[in-house]
Amino acid sequence: MNRVRIGGVLAAGALLPLAVCAVGRLESRSGGRAVVADTLNRPVLLVGTAAVLLLAARLVRGRRDTLGGVATAVGVLGLLFAAGAFFLASFREPVRWDARTSSPDRADHVLTVVNRGDSEQESNTFDIGLETGTGLSARRWHVLTVQQEFPGQGEFVSAQWSDAGRVRVTTDAGHRVFAVDPGSGEPTLIESVGELKSVVQGA
């Protein structure tokens, strides 16, 4: 196998980590399979690997042509993306605390709350989610992200099971209630009172 063919194999091989990364990103969205997301959602590693393979393909081929130029350009862009993502991740707000509460009637439905922020101040965020199912069928659902506000303007109070199959998120400016589908586990907004500084998935 000559250098051109080896370079072609390396360039084609770069598509595999990109495909794996795409699957991981897709499954990391609301309702995605938790095991797949945890295993494959590694964009820095996978995009970086693809970039290295493309640059290696260019070096092995040793040709100054369009294909080699494209491989070089995409490879450099991939490395820059991976480095940038790694750099930005270092500035992500740290987790101050997290809590997990099982549904009163279903142990495989777990309400999660993750508080991110540097200190107790209005810049904190509260990510509320659901984990449903077990093993390979376990899925994660995004319920609500509450941006901490000043007292009286949306300060987070609680997120809890109000009764079987319902989740209530309360701030000092209002509340929202979500019904949890018993089959899929998908949360659906069914009641909204007051204003919450938030981003609602699917609402």
C-alpha atoms as a PDB file:
ATOM      1  CA  MET A   1       0.000   0.000   0.000  1.00  0.00           C
ATOM      2  CA  ASN A   2       1.592   3.293  -1.096  1.00  0.00           C
ATOM      3  CA  ARG A   3       1.633   6.582   0.765  1.00  0.00           C
ATOM      4  CA  VAL A   4      -1.352   7.991  -1.136  1.00  0.00           C
ATOM      5  CA  ARG A   5      -3.540   5.039  -0.149  1.00  0.00           C
ATOM      6  CA  ILE A   6      -2.408   5.139   3.466  1.00  0.00           C
ATOM      7  CA  GLY A   7      -3.218   8.840   3.548  1.00  0.00           C
ATOM      8  CA  GLY A   8      -6.642   8.124   2.113  1.00  0.00           C
ATOM      9  CA  VAL A   9      -7.316   5.504   4.780  1.00  0.00           C
ATOM     10  CA  LEU A  10      -6.312   7.949   7.523  1.00  0.00           C
ATOM     11  CA  ALA A  11      -8.530  10.673   6.067  1.00  0.00           C
ATOM     12  CA  ALA A  12     -11.477   8.287   5.823  1.00  0.00           C
ATOM     13  CA  GLY A  13     -10.799   7.107   9.368  1.00  0.00           C
ATOM     14  CA  ALA A  14     -11.261  10.678  10.579  1.00  0.00           C
ATOM     15  CA  LEU A  15     -14.955  10.349   9.777  1.00  0.00           C
ATOM     16  CA  LEU A  16     -15.429   7.699  12.471  1.00  0.00           C
ATOM     17  CA  PRO A  17     -14.716   9.862  15.559  1.00  0.00           C
ATOM     18  CA  LEU A  18     -16.831  12.627  14.022  1.00  0.00           C
ATOM     19  CA  ALA A  19     -19.749  10.221  13.586  1.00  0.00           C
ATOM     20  CA  VAL A  20     -19.303   8.939  17.136  1.00  0.00           C
ATOM     21  CA  CYS A  21     -19.246  12.513  18.445  1.00  0.00           C
ATOM     22  CA  ALA A  22     -22.446  13.337  16.538  1.00  0.00           C
ATOM     23  CA  VAL A  23     -24.239  10.377  18.117  1.00  0.00           C
ATOM     24  CA  GLY A  24     -23.029  11.403  21.578  1.00  0.00           C
ATOM     25  CA  ARG A  25     -24.194  14.982  21.108  1.00  0.00           C
ATOM     26  CA  LEU A  26     -27.591  13.837  19.849  1.00  0.00           C
ATOM     27  CA  GLU A  27     -28.130  11.547  22.831  1.00  0.00           C
ATOM     28  CA  SER A  28     -27.041  14.271  25.269  1.00  0.00           C
ATOM     29  CA  ARG A  29     -30.141  16.293  24.392  1.00  0.00           C
ATOM     30  CA  SER A  30     -33.319  16.116  26.464  1.00  0.00           C
ATOM     31  CA  GLY A  31     -34.728  12.582  26.303  1.00  0.00           C
ATOM     32  CA  GLY A  32     -31.466  11.037  25.169  1.00  0.00           C
ATOM     33  CA  ARG A  33     -30.050   7.756  26.434  1.00  0.00           C
ATOM     34  CA  ALA A  34     -27.850   8.463  29.439  1.00  0.00           C
ATOM     35  CA  VAL A  35     -25.367   5.613  28.880  1.00  0.00           C
ATOM     36  CA  VAL A  36     -24.714   6.617  25.261  1.00  0.00           C
ATOM     37  CA  ALA A  37     -24.359  10.295  26.157  1.00  0.00           C
ATOM     38  CA  ASP A  38     -21.935   9.567  29.003  1.00  0.00           C
ATOM     39  CA  THR A  39     -19.826   7.319  26.777  1.00  0.00           C
ATOM     40  CA  LEU A  40     -19.782   9.177  23.467  1.00  0.00           C
ATOM     41  CA  ASN A  41     -20.409  12.855  24.222  1.00  0.00           C
ATOM     42  CA  ARG A  42     -16.723  13.819  24.276  1.00  0.00           C
ATOM     43  CA  PRO A  43     -16.327  16.482  21.572  1.00  0.00           C
ATOM     44  CA  VAL A  44     -12.863  17.667  22.627  1.00  0.00           C
ATOM     45  CA  LEU A  45     -11.363  14.166  22.455  1.00  0.00           C
ATOM     46  CA  LEU A  46     -13.204  12.988  19.343  1.00  0.00           C
ATOM     47  CA  VAL A  47     -12.899  16.164  17.258  1.00  0.00           C
ATOM     48  CA  GLY A  48      -9.245  16.412  18.284  1.00  0.00           C
ATOM     49  CA  THR A  49      -8.676  12.804  17.183  1.00  0.00           C
ATOM     50  CA  ALA A  50     -10.312  13.471  13.812  1.00  0.00           C
ATOM     51  CA  ALA A  51      -8.165  16.559  13.333  1.00  0.00           C
ATOM     52  CA  VAL A  52      -4.965  14.643  14.107  1.00  0.00           C
ATOM     53  CA  LEU A  53      -5.932  11.898  11.645  1.00  0.00           C
ATOM     54  CA  LEU A  54      -6.561  14.471   8.913  1.00  0.00           C
ATOM     55  CA  LEU A  55      -3.217  16.178   9.492  1.00  0.00           C
ATOM     56  CA  ALA A  56      -1.479  12.798   9.569  1.00  0.00           C
ATOM     57  CA  ALA A  57      -3.169  11.929   6.267  1.00  0.00           C
ATOM     58  CA  ARG A  58      -1.809  15.123   4.741  1.00  0.00           C
ATOM     59  CA  LEU A  59       1.726  14.390   5.932  1.00  0.00           C
ATOM     60  CA  VAL A  60       1.666  10.747   4.816  1.00  0.00           C
ATOM     61  CA  ARG A  61       0.291  11.545   1.349  1.00  0.00           C
ATOM     62  CA  GLY A  62       2.978  14.124   0.822  1.00  0.00           C
ATOM     63  CA  ARG A  63       1.079  15.742  -2.029  1.00  0.00           C
ATOM     64  CA  ARG A  64       0.276  19.396  -2.501  1.00  0.00           C
ATOM     65  CA  ASP A  65      -3.181  19.057  -4.020  1.00  0.00           C
ATOM     66  CA  THR A  66      -6.763  20.058  -3.300  1.00  0.00           C
ATOM     67  CA  LEU A  67      -7.481  17.010  -1.155  1.00  0.00           C
ATOM     68  CA  GLY A  68      -4.389  17.606   0.952  1.00  0.00           C
ATOM     69  CA  GLY A  69      -5.236  21.279   1.324  1.00  0.00           C
ATOM     70  CA  VAL A  70      -8.763  20.495   2.480  1.00  0.00           C
ATOM     71  CA  ALA A  71      -7.480  17.899   4.948  1.00  0.00           C
ATOM     72  CA  THR A  72      -5.008  20.422   6.363  1.00  0.00           C
ATOM     73  CA  ALA A  73      -7.562  23.200   6.677  1.00  0.00           C
ATOM     74  CA  VAL A  74     -10.204  20.997   8.308  1.00  0.00           C
ATOM     75  CA  GLY A  75      -7.604  19.422  10.581  1.00  0.00           C
ATOM     76  CA  VAL A  76      -6.348  22.795  11.809  1.00  0.00           C
ATOM     77  CA  LEU A  77      -9.913  24.022  12.353  1.00  0.00           C
ATOM     78  CA  GLY A  78     -10.683  20.839  14.283  1.00  0.00           C
ATOM     79  CA  LEU A  79      -7.692  21.334  16.571  1.00  0.00           C
ATOM     80  CA  LEU A  80      -8.649  24.966  17.153  1.00  0.00           C
ATOM     81  CA  PHE A  81     -12.218  23.900  18.008  1.00  0.00           C
ATOM     82  CA  ALA A  82     -11.025  21.230  20.440  1.00  0.00           C
ATOM     83  CA  ALA A  83      -8.587  23.637  22.109  1.00  0.00           C
ATOM     84  CA  GLY A  84     -11.258  26.346  22.336  1.00  0.00           C
ATOM     85  CA  ALA A  85     -13.845  23.964  23.801  1.00  0.00           C
ATOM     86  CA  PHE A  86     -11.334  22.749  26.376  1.00  0.00           C
ATOM     87  CA  PHE A  87     -10.437  26.339  27.282  1.00  0.00           C
ATOM     88  CA  LEU A  88     -14.091  27.413  27.646  1.00  0.00           C
ATOM     89  CA  ALA A  89     -14.887  24.347  29.774  1.00  0.00           C
ATOM     90  CA  SER A  90     -12.343  25.534  32.326  1.00  0.00           C
ATOM     91  CA  PHE A  91     -14.491  28.654  32.892  1.00  0.00           C
ATOM     92  CA  ARG A  92     -17.751  26.784  33.432  1.00  0.00           C
ATOM     93  CA  GLU A  93     -19.432  27.575  36.712  1.00  0.00           C
ATOM     94  CA  PRO A  94     -18.585  24.960  39.359  1.00  0.00           C
ATOM     95  CA  VAL A  95     -21.255  22.779  40.926  1.00  0.00           C
ATOM     96  CA  ARG A  96     -22.074  24.075  44.401  1.00  0.00           C
ATOM     97  CA  TRP A  97     -24.437  21.242  45.267  1.00  0.00           C
ATOM     98  CA  ASP A  98     -26.761  18.716  43.669  1.00  0.00           C
ATOM     99  CA  ALA A  99     -29.761  16.729  44.894  1.00  0.00           C
ATOM    100  CA  ARG A 100     -31.632  13.627  43.712  1.00  0.00           C
ATOM    101  CA  THR A 101     -35.169  12.648  44.759  1.00  0.00           C
ATOM    102  CA  SER A 102     -37.086   9.574  43.593  1.00  0.00           C
ATOM    103  CA  SER A 103     -40.771   9.801  42.714  1.00  0.00           C
ATOM    104  CA  PRO A 104     -43.101   8.649  45.524  1.00  0.00           C
ATOM    105  CA  ASP A 105     -44.525   5.909  43.301  1.00  0.00           C
ATOM    106  CA  ARG A 106     -41.661   5.129  40.893  1.00  0.00           C
ATOM    107  CA  ALA A 107     -38.116   4.494  41.993  1.00  0.00           C
ATOM    108  CA  ASP A 108     -36.921   4.695  38.380  1.00  0.00           C
ATOM    109  CA  HIS A 109     -38.106   8.321  38.050  1.00  0.00           C
ATOM    110  CA  VAL A 110     -35.564  10.593  39.740  1.00  0.00           C
ATOM    111  CA  LEU A 111     -35.770  14.380  40.000  1.00  0.00           C
ATOM    112  CA  THR A 112     -32.352  16.061  39.889  1.00  0.00           C
ATOM    113  CA  VAL A 113     -31.321  19.592  40.852  1.00  0.00           C
ATOM    114  CA  VAL A 114     -27.836  20.948  40.143  1.00  0.00           C
ATOM    115  CA  ASN A 115     -26.817  24.346  41.523  1.00  0.00           C
ATOM    116  CA  ARG A 116     -23.979  26.045  39.638  1.00  0.00           C
ATOM    117  CA  GLY A 117     -22.225  29.227  40.674  1.00  0.00           C
ATOM    118  CA  ASP A 118     -19.208  30.649  42.454  1.00  0.00           C
ATOM    119  CA  SER A 119     -21.125  31.784  45.526  1.00  0.00           C
ATOM    120  CA  GLU A 120     -24.586  32.534  46.893  1.00  0.00           C
ATOM    121  CA  GLN A 121     -25.556  35.349  44.576  1.00  0.00           C
ATOM    122  CA  GLU A 122     -27.936  36.176  41.745  1.00  0.00           C
ATOM    123  CA  SER A 123     -25.651  34.729  39.051  1.00  0.00           C
ATOM    124  CA  ASN A 124     -26.328  31.158  40.200  1.00  0.00           C
ATOM    125  CA  THR A 125     -28.287  28.759  38.021  1.00  0.00           C
ATOM    126  CA  PHE A 126     -30.403  25.770  39.002  1.00  0.00           C
ATOM    127  CA  ASP A 127     -30.663  22.993  36.415  1.00  0.00           C
ATOM    128  CA  ILE A 128     -33.702  20.802  37.064  1.00  0.00           C
ATOM    129  CA  GLY A 129     -33.925  17.491  35.245  1.00  0.00           C
ATOM    130  CA  LEU A 130     -35.417  14.009  35.276  1.00  0.00           C
ATOM    131  CA  GLU A 131     -33.746  10.630  34.982  1.00  0.00           C
ATOM    132  CA  THR A 132     -36.147   7.872  33.939  1.00  0.00           C
ATOM    133  CA  GLY A 133     -35.678   4.177  33.351  1.00  0.00           C
ATOM    134  CA  THR A 134     -32.764   1.957  34.306  1.00  0.00           C
ATOM    135  CA  GLY A 135     -29.689   0.445  32.695  1.00  0.00           C
ATOM    136  CA  LEU A 136     -29.288   0.897  28.938  1.00  0.00           C
ATOM    137  CA  SER A 137     -32.826   2.292  28.647  1.00  0.00           C
ATOM    138  CA  ALA A 138     -32.248   5.123  31.145  1.00  0.00           C
ATOM    139  CA  ARG A 139     -32.924   8.576  29.730  1.00  0.00           C
ATOM    140  CA  ARG A 140     -32.323  12.134  30.895  1.00  0.00           C
ATOM    141  CA  TRP A 141     -34.883  14.888  30.421  1.00  0.00           C
ATOM    142  CA  HIS A 142     -34.390  18.621  30.831  1.00  0.00           C
ATOM    143  CA  VAL A 143     -37.186  20.184  32.885  1.00  0.00           C
ATOM    144  CA  LEU A 144     -36.144  23.764  33.587  1.00  0.00           C
ATOM    145  CA  THR A 145     -33.115  25.982  34.121  1.00  0.00           C
ATOM    146  CA  VAL A 146     -33.764  28.744  36.641  1.00  0.00           C
ATOM    147  CA  GLN A 147     -31.498  31.788  36.598  1.00  0.00           C
ATOM    148  CA  GLN A 148     -31.130  33.085  40.137  1.00  0.00           C
ATOM    149  CA  GLU A 149     -32.529  36.592  40.570  1.00  0.00           C
ATOM    150  CA  PHE A 150     -32.743  39.089  43.407  1.00  0.00           C
ATOM    151  CA  PRO A 151     -35.213  38.314  46.217  1.00  0.00           C
ATOM    152  CA  GLY A 152     -38.762  38.806  44.952  1.00  0.00           C
ATOM    153  CA  GLN A 153     -37.669  38.549  41.311  1.00  0.00           C
ATOM    154  CA  GLY A 154     -37.282  34.821  40.815  1.00  0.00           C
ATOM    155  CA  GLU A 155     -35.107  33.513  43.636  1.00  0.00           C
ATOM    156  CA  PHE A 156     -35.117  29.718  43.545  1.00  0.00           C
ATOM    157  CA  VAL A 157     -37.032  28.048  46.373  1.00  0.00           C
ATOM    158  CA  SER A 158     -37.492  24.371  45.573  1.00  0.00           C
ATOM    159  CA  ALA A 159     -38.019  21.626  43.001  1.00  0.00           C
ATOM    160  CA  GLN A 160     -39.942  18.613  44.248  1.00  0.00           C
ATOM    161  CA  TRP A 161     -42.504  15.942  43.473  1.00  0.00           C
ATOM    162  CA  SER A 162     -45.863  17.562  44.237  1.00  0.00           C
ATOM    163  CA  ASP A 163     -47.594  14.201  43.883  1.00  0.00           C
ATOM    164  CA  ALA A 164     -47.316  11.032  41.823  1.00  0.00           C
ATOM    165  CA  GLY A 165     -46.135  11.894  38.336  1.00  0.00           C
ATOM    166  CA  ARG A 166     -45.895  15.659  38.832  1.00  0.00           C
ATOM    167  CA  VAL A 167     -42.955  17.971  39.483  1.00  0.00           C
ATOM    168  CA  ARG A 168     -43.326  21.476  40.927  1.00  0.00           C
ATOM    169  CA  VAL A 169     -40.585  24.098  40.545  1.00  0.00           C
ATOM    170  CA  THR A 170     -41.052  27.106  42.859  1.00  0.00           C
ATOM    171  CA  THR A 171     -39.342  30.495  43.085  1.00  0.00           C
ATOM    172  CA  ASP A 172     -40.357  33.524  45.129  1.00  0.00           C
ATOM    173  CA  ALA A 173     -41.928  34.953  41.952  1.00  0.00           C
ATOM    174  CA  GLY A 174     -44.068  32.006  40.871  1.00  0.00           C
ATOM    175  CA  HIS A 175     -44.077  28.305  40.094  1.00  0.00           C
ATOM    176  CA  ARG A 176     -44.409  25.781  37.286  1.00  0.00           C
ATOM    177  CA  VAL A 177     -45.839  22.279  37.358  1.00  0.00           C
ATOM    178  CA  PHE A 178     -44.807  19.512  34.974  1.00  0.00           C
ATOM    179  CA  ALA A 179     -46.604  16.230  34.350  1.00  0.00           C
ATOM    180  CA  VAL A 180     -44.281  13.260  33.802  1.00  0.00           C
ATOM    181  CA  ASP A 181     -45.389  10.763  31.169  1.00  0.00           C
ATOM    182  CA  PRO A 182     -45.504   7.332  32.863  1.00  0.00           C
ATOM    183  CA  GLY A 183     -44.230   5.588  29.744  1.00  0.00           C
ATOM    184  CA  SER A 184     -41.518   7.768  28.202  1.00  0.00           C
ATOM    185  CA  GLY A 185     -40.789   9.899  31.276  1.00  0.00           C
ATOM    186  CA  GLU A 186     -41.062  13.102  29.247  1.00  0.00           C
ATOM    187  CA  PRO A 187     -42.028  16.176  31.344  1.00  0.00           C
ATOM    188  CA  THR A 188     -44.766  18.459  30.015  1.00  0.00           C
ATOM    189  CA  LEU A 189     -45.590  21.900  31.374  1.00  0.00           C
ATOM    190  CA  ILE A 190     -49.202  21.935  32.609  1.00  0.00           C
ATOM    191  CA  GLU A 191     -49.330  24.930  34.945  1.00  0.00           C
ATOM    192  CA  SER A 192     -47.466  28.243  35.032  1.00  0.00           C
ATOM    193  CA  VAL A 193     -47.992  30.946  37.665  1.00  0.00           C
ATOM    194  CA  GLY A 194     -45.927  34.119  37.929  1.00  0.00           C
ATOM    195  CA  GLU A 195     -42.705  34.846  36.069  1.00  0.00           C
ATOM    196  CA  LEU A 196     -39.552  32.781  36.274  1.00  0.00           C
ATOM    197  CA  LYS A 197     -36.222  33.800  34.775  1.00  0.00           C
ATOM    198  CA  SER A 198     -35.761  30.531  32.966  1.00  0.00           C
ATOM    199  CA  VAL A 199     -35.358  28.494  29.828  1.00  0.00           C
ATOM    200  CA  VAL A 200     -38.017  25.808  29.390  1.00  0.00           C
ATOM    201  CA  GLN A 201     -37.291  22.775  27.242  1.00  0.00           C
ATOM    202  CA  GLY A 202     -40.044  22.285  24.712  1.00  0.00           C
ATOM    203  CA  ALA A 203     -42.236  25.104  26.024  1.00  0.00           C
END
